[in-house]
Amino acid sequence: MDARFTELLRPFLKHAGPEEITITGDTDLRRLGVDSMQAIELLFRLEDTFGIELPDEDMNDTTFATAGNLWRVVAAQLPDGDTGRVSA
């Protein structure tokens, strides 16, 4: 996952607690507080940050279930070679 992605995601995890959590592909976004309204705000921030437009068909509960699922949708829209991969 891209470091920009994980840092952008962190403020949306309101149930993560005061300690710093490690965001991995398996991080459960719903359990950590990303509700439907936050998902919309997160969508706009992702599109603005990465300069992409996420396909409507990918805007579903499965995409927003885990950090890994969401990153796969974002990464699929990035130009080749711009994956910004950081160990997840």
PDB file of N, CA and C in Angstrom:
ATOM      1  N   MET A   1       0.843  -1.186   0.000  1.00  0.00           N
ATOM      2  CA  MET A   1       0.000   0.000   0.000  1.00  0.00           C
ATOM      3  C   MET A   1       0.882   1.241   0.000  1.00  0.00           C
ATOM      4  N   ASP A   2       0.350   2.271  -0.521  1.00  0.00           N
ATOM      5  CA  ASP A   2       1.039   3.551  -0.633  1.00  0.00           C
ATOM      6  C   ASP A   2       1.015   4.275   0.718  1.00  0.00           C
ATOM      7  N   ALA A   3       2.127   4.895   1.088  1.00  0.00           N
ATOM      8  CA  ALA A   3       2.190   5.635   2.357  1.00  0.00           C
ATOM      9  C   ALA A   3       1.180   6.776   2.383  1.00  0.00           C
ATOM     10  N   ARG A   4       0.970   7.426   1.236  1.00  0.00           N
ATOM     11  CA  ARG A   4      -0.050   8.493   1.171  1.00  0.00           C
ATOM     12  C   ARG A   4      -1.425   7.934   1.505  1.00  0.00           C
ATOM     13  N   PHE A   5      -1.699   6.732   1.012  1.00  0.00           N
ATOM     14  CA  PHE A   5      -2.985   6.080   1.248  1.00  0.00           C
ATOM     15  C   PHE A   5      -3.192   5.812   2.735  1.00  0.00           C
ATOM     16  N   THR A   6      -2.207   5.217   3.386  1.00  0.00           N
ATOM     17  CA  THR A   6      -2.387   4.882   4.799  1.00  0.00           C
ATOM     18  C   THR A   6      -2.493   6.128   5.670  1.00  0.00           C
ATOM     19  N   GLU A   7      -1.737   7.164   5.352  1.00  0.00           N
ATOM     20  CA  GLU A   7      -1.836   8.403   6.136  1.00  0.00           C
ATOM     21  C   GLU A   7      -3.168   9.106   5.902  1.00  0.00           C
ATOM     22  N   LEU A   8      -3.688   9.039   4.696  1.00  0.00           N
ATOM     23  CA  LEU A   8      -4.992   9.626   4.395  1.00  0.00           C
ATOM     24  C   LEU A   8      -6.098   8.861   5.125  1.00  0.00           C
ATOM     25  N   LEU A   9      -5.935   7.555   5.226  1.00  0.00           N
ATOM     26  CA  LEU A   9      -6.933   6.689   5.848  1.00  0.00           C
ATOM     27  C   LEU A   9      -6.982   6.843   7.369  1.00  0.00           C
ATOM     28  N   ARG A  10      -5.844   7.060   7.979  1.00  0.00           N
ATOM     29  CA  ARG A  10      -5.719   7.067   9.446  1.00  0.00           C
ATOM     30  C   ARG A  10      -6.752   7.941  10.170  1.00  0.00           C
ATOM     31  N   PRO A  11      -7.012   9.185   9.757  1.00  0.00           N
ATOM     32  CA  PRO A  11      -7.985  10.018  10.487  1.00  0.00           C
ATOM     33  C   PRO A  11      -9.424   9.486  10.438  1.00  0.00           C
ATOM     34  N   PHE A  12      -9.715   8.606   9.504  1.00  0.00           N
ATOM     35  CA  PHE A  12     -11.062   8.055   9.390  1.00  0.00           C
ATOM     36  C   PHE A  12     -11.292   6.885  10.347  1.00  0.00           C
ATOM     37  N   LEU A  13     -10.250   6.403  10.982  1.00  0.00           N
ATOM     38  CA  LEU A  13     -10.347   5.234  11.858  1.00  0.00           C
ATOM     39  C   LEU A  13     -10.609   5.677  13.287  1.00  0.00           C
ATOM     40  N   LYS A  14     -11.795   6.199  13.522  1.00  0.00           N
ATOM     41  CA  LYS A  14     -12.124   6.817  14.807  1.00  0.00           C
ATOM     42  C   LYS A  14     -12.177   5.839  15.971  1.00  0.00           C
ATOM     43  N   HIS A  15     -12.311   4.537  15.695  1.00  0.00           N
ATOM     44  CA  HIS A  15     -12.362   3.543  16.772  1.00  0.00           C
ATOM     45  C   HIS A  15     -11.030   2.811  16.934  1.00  0.00           C
ATOM     46  N   ALA A  16      -9.973   3.353  16.364  1.00  0.00           N
ATOM     47  CA  ALA A  16      -8.665   2.697  16.441  1.00  0.00           C
ATOM     48  C   ALA A  16      -8.024   2.869  17.808  1.00  0.00           C
ATOM     49  N   GLY A  17      -8.474   3.839  18.579  1.00  0.00           N
ATOM     50  CA  GLY A  17      -7.890   4.093  19.881  1.00  0.00           C
ATOM     51  C   GLY A  17      -6.773   5.113  19.792  1.00  0.00           C
ATOM     52  N   PRO A  18      -6.274   5.539  20.943  1.00  0.00           N
ATOM     53  CA  PRO A  18      -5.261   6.595  20.969  1.00  0.00           C
ATOM     54  C   PRO A  18      -3.882   6.135  20.491  1.00  0.00           C
ATOM     55  N   GLU A  19      -3.620   4.828  20.559  1.00  0.00           N
ATOM     56  CA  GLU A  19      -2.308   4.342  20.140  1.00  0.00           C
ATOM     57  C   GLU A  19      -2.237   4.269  18.614  1.00  0.00           C
ATOM     58  N   GLU A  20      -1.037   4.327  18.116  1.00  0.00           N
ATOM     59  CA  GLU A  20      -0.789   4.245  16.675  1.00  0.00           C
ATOM     60  C   GLU A  20      -1.032   2.804  16.229  1.00  0.00           C
ATOM     61  N   ILE A  21      -1.871   2.618  15.225  1.00  0.00           N
ATOM     62  CA  ILE A  21      -2.099   1.271  14.713  1.00  0.00           C
ATOM     63  C   ILE A  21      -1.356   1.104  13.393  1.00  0.00           C
ATOM     64  N   THR A  22      -1.035  -0.133  13.102  1.00  0.00           N
ATOM     65  CA  THR A  22      -0.434  -0.456  11.817  1.00  0.00           C
ATOM     66  C   THR A  22      -1.560  -0.816  10.869  1.00  0.00           C
ATOM     67  N   ILE A  23      -1.659  -0.086   9.776  1.00  0.00           N
ATOM     68  CA  ILE A  23      -2.699  -0.363   8.792  1.00  0.00           C
ATOM     69  C   ILE A  23      -2.150  -1.388   7.813  1.00  0.00           C
ATOM     70  N   THR A  24      -2.834  -2.525   7.728  1.00  0.00           N
ATOM     71  CA  THR A  24      -2.455  -3.589   6.802  1.00  0.00           C
ATOM     72  C   THR A  24      -3.610  -3.823   5.836  1.00  0.00           C
ATOM     73  N   GLY A  25      -3.404  -4.700   4.892  1.00  0.00           N
ATOM     74  CA  GLY A  25      -4.459  -5.041   3.947  1.00  0.00           C
ATOM     75  C   GLY A  25      -5.690  -5.612   4.618  1.00  0.00           C
ATOM     76  N   ASP A  26      -5.502  -6.240   5.782  1.00  0.00           N
ATOM     77  CA  ASP A  26      -6.615  -6.859   6.503  1.00  0.00           C
ATOM     78  C   ASP A  26      -7.310  -5.922   7.482  1.00  0.00           C
ATOM     79  N   THR A  27      -6.851  -4.691   7.600  1.00  0.00           N
ATOM     80  CA  THR A  27      -7.462  -3.753   8.537  1.00  0.00           C
ATOM     81  C   THR A  27      -8.934  -3.568   8.194  1.00  0.00           C
ATOM     82  N   ASP A  28      -9.797  -3.884   9.159  1.00  0.00           N
ATOM     83  CA  ASP A  28     -11.257  -3.821   8.981  1.00  0.00           C
ATOM     84  C   ASP A  28     -11.723  -2.378   9.156  1.00  0.00           C
ATOM     85  N   LEU A  29     -12.034  -1.733   8.055  1.00  0.00           N
ATOM     86  CA  LEU A  29     -12.402  -0.317   8.094  1.00  0.00           C
ATOM     87  C   LEU A  29     -13.724  -0.086   8.807  1.00  0.00           C
ATOM     88  N   ARG A  30     -14.682  -0.959   8.629  1.00  0.00           N
ATOM     89  CA  ARG A  30     -15.990  -0.795   9.286  1.00  0.00           C
ATOM     90  C   ARG A  30     -15.841  -0.905  10.804  1.00  0.00           C
ATOM     91  N   ARG A  31     -15.097  -1.905  11.250  1.00  0.00           N
ATOM     92  CA  ARG A  31     -14.909  -2.109  12.692  1.00  0.00           C
ATOM     93  C   ARG A  31     -14.206  -0.918  13.332  1.00  0.00           C
ATOM     94  N   LEU A  32     -13.359  -0.244  12.566  1.00  0.00           N
ATOM     95  CA  LEU A  32     -12.615   0.890  13.099  1.00  0.00           C
ATOM     96  C   LEU A  32     -13.311   2.226  12.870  1.00  0.00           C
ATOM     97  N   GLY A  33     -14.553   2.186  12.392  1.00  0.00           N
ATOM     98  CA  GLY A  33     -15.352   3.404  12.388  1.00  0.00           C
ATOM     99  C   GLY A  33     -15.665   4.053  11.063  1.00  0.00           C
ATOM    100  N   VAL A  34     -15.273   3.461   9.939  1.00  0.00           N
ATOM    101  CA  VAL A  34     -15.611   4.063   8.647  1.00  0.00           C
ATOM    102  C   VAL A  34     -17.053   3.695   8.309  1.00  0.00           C
ATOM    103  N   ASP A  35     -17.953   4.666   8.502  1.00  0.00           N
ATOM    104  CA  ASP A  35     -19.360   4.441   8.176  1.00  0.00           C
ATOM    105  C   ASP A  35     -19.641   4.944   6.762  1.00  0.00           C
ATOM    106  N   SER A  36     -20.896   4.870   6.328  1.00  0.00           N
ATOM    107  CA  SER A  36     -21.224   5.228   4.946  1.00  0.00           C
ATOM    108  C   SER A  36     -20.939   6.693   4.638  1.00  0.00           C
ATOM    109  N   MET A  37     -21.186   7.589   5.576  1.00  0.00           N
ATOM    110  CA  MET A  37     -20.910   9.006   5.336  1.00  0.00           C
ATOM    111  C   MET A  37     -19.404   9.258   5.244  1.00  0.00           C
ATOM    112  N   GLN A  38     -18.647   8.611   6.110  1.00  0.00           N
ATOM    113  CA  GLN A  38     -17.190   8.767   6.052  1.00  0.00           C
ATOM    114  C   GLN A  38     -16.624   8.145   4.784  1.00  0.00           C
ATOM    115  N   ALA A  39     -17.237   7.067   4.321  1.00  0.00           N
ATOM    116  CA  ALA A  39     -16.773   6.428   3.090  1.00  0.00           C
ATOM    117  C   ALA A  39     -16.873   7.396   1.916  1.00  0.00           C
ATOM    118  N   ILE A  40     -17.925   8.196   1.885  1.00  0.00           N
ATOM    119  CA  ILE A  40     -18.088   9.180   0.812  1.00  0.00           C
ATOM    120  C   ILE A  40     -16.996  10.244   0.905  1.00  0.00           C
ATOM    121  N   GLU A  41     -16.752  10.748   2.108  1.00  0.00           N
ATOM    122  CA  GLU A  41     -15.691  11.745   2.289  1.00  0.00           C
ATOM    123  C   GLU A  41     -14.329  11.151   1.935  1.00  0.00           C
ATOM    124  N   LEU A  42     -14.101   9.912   2.358  1.00  0.00           N
ATOM    125  CA  LEU A  42     -12.848   9.223   2.048  1.00  0.00           C
ATOM    126  C   LEU A  42     -12.688   9.061   0.539  1.00  0.00           C
ATOM    127  N   LEU A  43     -13.756   8.715  -0.140  1.00  0.00           N
ATOM    128  CA  LEU A  43     -13.732   8.579  -1.597  1.00  0.00           C
ATOM    129  C   LEU A  43     -13.252   9.868  -2.260  1.00  0.00           C
ATOM    130  N   PHE A  44     -13.834  11.001  -1.868  1.00  0.00           N
ATOM    131  CA  PHE A  44     -13.442  12.285  -2.453  1.00  0.00           C
ATOM    132  C   PHE A  44     -11.978  12.613  -2.165  1.00  0.00           C
ATOM    133  N   ARG A  45     -11.538  12.334  -0.955  1.00  0.00           N
ATOM    134  CA  ARG A  45     -10.136  12.622  -0.603  1.00  0.00           C
ATOM    135  C   ARG A  45      -9.170  11.746  -1.395  1.00  0.00           C
ATOM    136  N   LEU A  46      -9.541  10.479  -1.571  1.00  0.00           N
ATOM    137  CA  LEU A  46      -8.694   9.582  -2.360  1.00  0.00           C
ATOM    138  C   LEU A  46      -8.592  10.065  -3.802  1.00  0.00           C
ATOM    139  N   GLU A  47      -9.726  10.427  -4.368  1.00  0.00           N
ATOM    140  CA  GLU A  47      -9.727  10.898  -5.755  1.00  0.00           C
ATOM    141  C   GLU A  47      -8.893  12.167  -5.902  1.00  0.00           C
ATOM    142  N   ASP A  48      -9.035  13.092  -4.961  1.00  0.00           N
ATOM    143  CA  ASP A  48      -8.262  14.339  -5.017  1.00  0.00           C
ATOM    144  C   ASP A  48      -6.767  14.088  -4.808  1.00  0.00           C
ATOM    145  N   THR A  49      -6.428  13.279  -3.829  1.00  0.00           N
ATOM    146  CA  THR A  49      -5.028  13.018  -3.497  1.00  0.00           C
ATOM    147  C   THR A  49      -4.287  12.322  -4.629  1.00  0.00           C
ATOM    148  N   PHE A  50      -4.939  11.331  -5.225  1.00  0.00           N
ATOM    149  CA  PHE A  50      -4.277  10.531  -6.250  1.00  0.00           C
ATOM    150  C   PHE A  50      -4.580  10.995  -7.672  1.00  0.00           C
ATOM    151  N   GLY A  51      -5.471  11.983  -7.818  1.00  0.00           N
ATOM    152  CA  GLY A  51      -5.804  12.481  -9.147  1.00  0.00           C
ATOM    153  C   GLY A  51      -6.478  11.435 -10.016  1.00  0.00           C
ATOM    154  N   ILE A  52      -7.372  10.664  -9.398  1.00  0.00           N
ATOM    155  CA  ILE A  52      -8.052   9.575 -10.100  1.00  0.00           C
ATOM    156  C   ILE A  52      -9.555   9.715  -9.933  1.00  0.00           C
ATOM    157  N   GLU A  53     -10.297   8.915 -10.672  1.00  0.00           N
ATOM    158  CA  GLU A  53     -11.736   8.798 -10.475  1.00  0.00           C
ATOM    159  C   GLU A  53     -12.035   7.321 -10.298  1.00  0.00           C
ATOM    160  N   LEU A  54     -12.608   6.978  -9.152  1.00  0.00           N
ATOM    161  CA  LEU A  54     -12.909   5.581  -8.875  1.00  0.00           C
ATOM    162  C   LEU A  54     -14.216   5.196  -9.564  1.00  0.00           C
ATOM    163  N   PRO A  55     -14.247   4.019 -10.197  1.00  0.00           N
ATOM    164  CA  PRO A  55     -15.440   3.585 -10.925  1.00  0.00           C
ATOM    165  C   PRO A  55     -16.637   3.383  -9.995  1.00  0.00           C
ATOM    166  N   ASP A  56     -17.811   3.803 -10.463  1.00  0.00           N
ATOM    167  CA  ASP A  56     -19.034   3.651  -9.671  1.00  0.00           C
ATOM    168  C   ASP A  56     -19.268   2.204  -9.260  1.00  0.00           C
ATOM    169  N   GLU A  57     -18.953   1.257 -10.139  1.00  0.00           N
ATOM    170  CA  GLU A  57     -19.222  -0.152  -9.832  1.00  0.00           C
ATOM    171  C   GLU A  57     -18.357  -0.677  -8.686  1.00  0.00           C
ATOM    172  N   ASP A  58     -17.294   0.037  -8.348  1.00  0.00           N
ATOM    173  CA  ASP A  58     -16.443  -0.371  -7.229  1.00  0.00           C
ATOM    174  C   ASP A  58     -16.830   0.295  -5.912  1.00  0.00           C
ATOM    175  N   MET A  59     -17.829   1.138  -5.934  1.00  0.00           N
ATOM    176  CA  MET A  59     -18.261   1.819  -4.715  1.00  0.00           C
ATOM    177  C   MET A  59     -19.310   0.960  -4.012  1.00  0.00           C
ATOM    178  N   ASN A  60     -18.834   0.023  -3.205  1.00  0.00           N
ATOM    179  CA  ASN A  60     -19.718  -0.919  -2.527  1.00  0.00           C
ATOM    180  C   ASN A  60     -19.125  -1.322  -1.179  1.00  0.00           C
ATOM    181  N   ASP A  61     -19.895  -2.084  -0.420  1.00  0.00           N
ATOM    182  CA  ASP A  61     -19.456  -2.496   0.916  1.00  0.00           C
ATOM    183  C   ASP A  61     -18.174  -3.320   0.884  1.00  0.00           C
ATOM    184  N   THR A  62     -18.015  -4.150  -0.129  1.00  0.00           N
ATOM    185  CA  THR A  62     -16.815  -4.980  -0.216  1.00  0.00           C
ATOM    186  C   THR A  62     -15.565  -4.118  -0.368  1.00  0.00           C
ATOM    187  N   THR A  63     -15.633  -3.108  -1.214  1.00  0.00           N
ATOM    188  CA  THR A  63     -14.485  -2.221  -1.426  1.00  0.00           C
ATOM    189  C   THR A  63     -14.077  -1.536  -0.134  1.00  0.00           C
ATOM    190  N   PHE A  64     -15.061  -1.074   0.641  1.00  0.00           N
ATOM    191  CA  PHE A  64     -14.769  -0.326   1.861  1.00  0.00           C
ATOM    192  C   PHE A  64     -14.683  -1.218   3.106  1.00  0.00           C
ATOM    193  N   ALA A  65     -14.654  -2.537   2.926  1.00  0.00           N
ATOM    194  CA  ALA A  65     -14.579  -3.451   4.064  1.00  0.00           C
ATOM    195  C   ALA A  65     -13.184  -3.469   4.691  1.00  0.00           C
ATOM    196  N   THR A  66     -12.153  -3.508   3.862  1.00  0.00           N
ATOM    197  CA  THR A  66     -10.785  -3.557   4.386  1.00  0.00           C
ATOM    198  C   THR A  66      -9.903  -2.550   3.652  1.00  0.00           C
ATOM    199  N   ALA A  67      -8.802  -2.207   4.289  1.00  0.00           N
ATOM    200  CA  ALA A  67      -7.845  -1.292   3.665  1.00  0.00           C
ATOM    201  C   ALA A  67      -7.286  -1.896   2.382  1.00  0.00           C
ATOM    202  N   GLY A  68      -7.062  -3.193   2.379  1.00  0.00           N
ATOM    203  CA  GLY A  68      -6.528  -3.862   1.192  1.00  0.00           C
ATOM    204  C   GLY A  68      -7.480  -3.809   0.013  1.00  0.00           C
ATOM    205  N   ASN A  69      -8.758  -4.049   0.277  1.00  0.00           N
ATOM    206  CA  ASN A  69      -9.750  -3.979  -0.800  1.00  0.00           C
ATOM    207  C   ASN A  69      -9.795  -2.580  -1.392  1.00  0.00           C
ATOM    208  N   LEU A  70      -9.808  -1.582  -0.536  1.00  0.00           N
ATOM    209  CA  LEU A  70      -9.879  -0.201  -0.999  1.00  0.00           C
ATOM    210  C   LEU A  70      -8.612   0.165  -1.773  1.00  0.00           C
ATOM    211  N   TRP A  71      -7.453  -0.246  -1.270  1.00  0.00           N
ATOM    212  CA  TRP A  71      -6.204   0.058  -1.962  1.00  0.00           C
ATOM    213  C   TRP A  71      -6.176  -0.581  -3.355  1.00  0.00           C
ATOM    214  N   ARG A  72      -6.675  -1.811  -3.498  1.00  0.00           N
ATOM    215  CA  ARG A  72      -6.682  -2.465  -4.811  1.00  0.00           C
ATOM    216  C   ARG A  72      -7.477  -1.654  -5.828  1.00  0.00           C
ATOM    217  N   VAL A  73      -8.603  -1.091  -5.402  1.00  0.00           N
ATOM    218  CA  VAL A  73      -9.425  -0.276  -6.301  1.00  0.00           C
ATOM    219  C   VAL A  73      -8.685   1.012  -6.664  1.00  0.00           C
ATOM    220  N   VAL A  74      -8.054   1.639  -5.672  1.00  0.00           N
ATOM    221  CA  VAL A  74      -7.288   2.865  -5.932  1.00  0.00           C
ATOM    222  C   VAL A  74      -6.110   2.553  -6.859  1.00  0.00           C
ATOM    223  N   ALA A  75      -5.333   1.536  -6.532  1.00  0.00           N
ATOM    224  CA  ALA A  75      -4.134   1.195  -7.306  1.00  0.00           C
ATOM    225  C   ALA A  75      -4.471   0.854  -8.752  1.00  0.00           C
ATOM    226  N   ALA A  76      -5.633   0.257  -8.985  1.00  0.00           N
ATOM    227  CA  ALA A  76      -6.041  -0.095 -10.349  1.00  0.00           C
ATOM    228  C   ALA A  76      -6.241   1.138 -11.221  1.00  0.00           C
ATOM    229  N   GLN A  77      -6.471   2.287 -10.601  1.00  0.00           N
ATOM    230  CA  GLN A  77      -6.697   3.525 -11.351  1.00  0.00           C
ATOM    231  C   GLN A  77      -5.431   4.351 -11.534  1.00  0.00           C
ATOM    232  N   LEU A  78      -4.358   3.968 -10.858  1.00  0.00           N
ATOM    233  CA  LEU A  78      -3.107   4.721 -10.949  1.00  0.00           C
ATOM    234  C   LEU A  78      -2.394   4.411 -12.256  1.00  0.00           C
ATOM    235  N   PRO A  79      -1.690   5.398 -12.799  1.00  0.00           N
ATOM    236  CA  PRO A  79      -0.898   5.135 -14.007  1.00  0.00           C
ATOM    237  C   PRO A  79       0.125   4.038 -13.722  1.00  0.00           C
ATOM    238  N   ASP A  80       0.476   3.272 -14.735  1.00  0.00           N
ATOM    239  CA  ASP A  80       1.483   2.213 -14.575  1.00  0.00           C
ATOM    240  C   ASP A  80       2.749   2.772 -13.952  1.00  0.00           C
ATOM    241  N   GLY A  81       3.274   2.030 -12.992  1.00  0.00           N
ATOM    242  CA  GLY A  81       4.508   2.446 -12.348  1.00  0.00           C
ATOM    243  C   GLY A  81       4.318   3.406 -11.188  1.00  0.00           C
ATOM    244  N   ASP A  82       3.102   3.858 -10.938  1.00  0.00           N
ATOM    245  CA  ASP A  82       2.845   4.802  -9.844  1.00  0.00           C
ATOM    246  C   ASP A  82       2.092   4.105  -8.721  1.00  0.00           C
ATOM    247  N   THR A  83       2.554   2.921  -8.325  1.00  0.00           N
ATOM    248  CA  THR A  83       1.859   2.189  -7.274  1.00  0.00           C
ATOM    249  C   THR A  83       2.230   2.677  -5.897  1.00  0.00           C
ATOM    250  N   GLY A  84       3.361   3.370  -5.756  1.00  0.00           N
ATOM    251  CA  GLY A  84       3.754   3.895  -4.459  1.00  0.00           C
ATOM    252  C   GLY A  84       3.825   2.833  -3.395  1.00  0.00           C
ATOM    253  N   ARG A  85       4.175   1.613  -3.787  1.00  0.00           N
ATOM    254  CA  ARG A  85       4.114   0.491  -2.858  1.00  0.00           C
ATOM    255  C   ARG A  85       5.029   0.665  -1.663  1.00  0.00           C
ATOM    256  N   VAL A  86       4.433   0.365  -0.527  1.00  0.00           N
ATOM    257  CA  VAL A  86       5.147   0.308   0.736  1.00  0.00           C
ATOM    258  C   VAL A  86       4.697  -0.994   1.354  1.00  0.00           C
ATOM    259  N   SER A  87       5.536  -1.674   2.076  1.00  0.00           N
ATOM    260  CA  SER A  87       5.127  -2.952   2.656  1.00  0.00           C
ATOM    261  C   SER A  87       3.869  -2.778   3.475  1.00  0.00           C
ATOM    262  N   ALA A  88       2.962  -3.734   3.314  1.00  0.00           N
ATOM    263  CA  ALA A  88       1.661  -3.620   3.989  1.00  0.00           C
ATOM    264  C   ALA A  88       1.536  -4.628   5.074  1.00  0.00           C
TER     265      ALA A  88
END
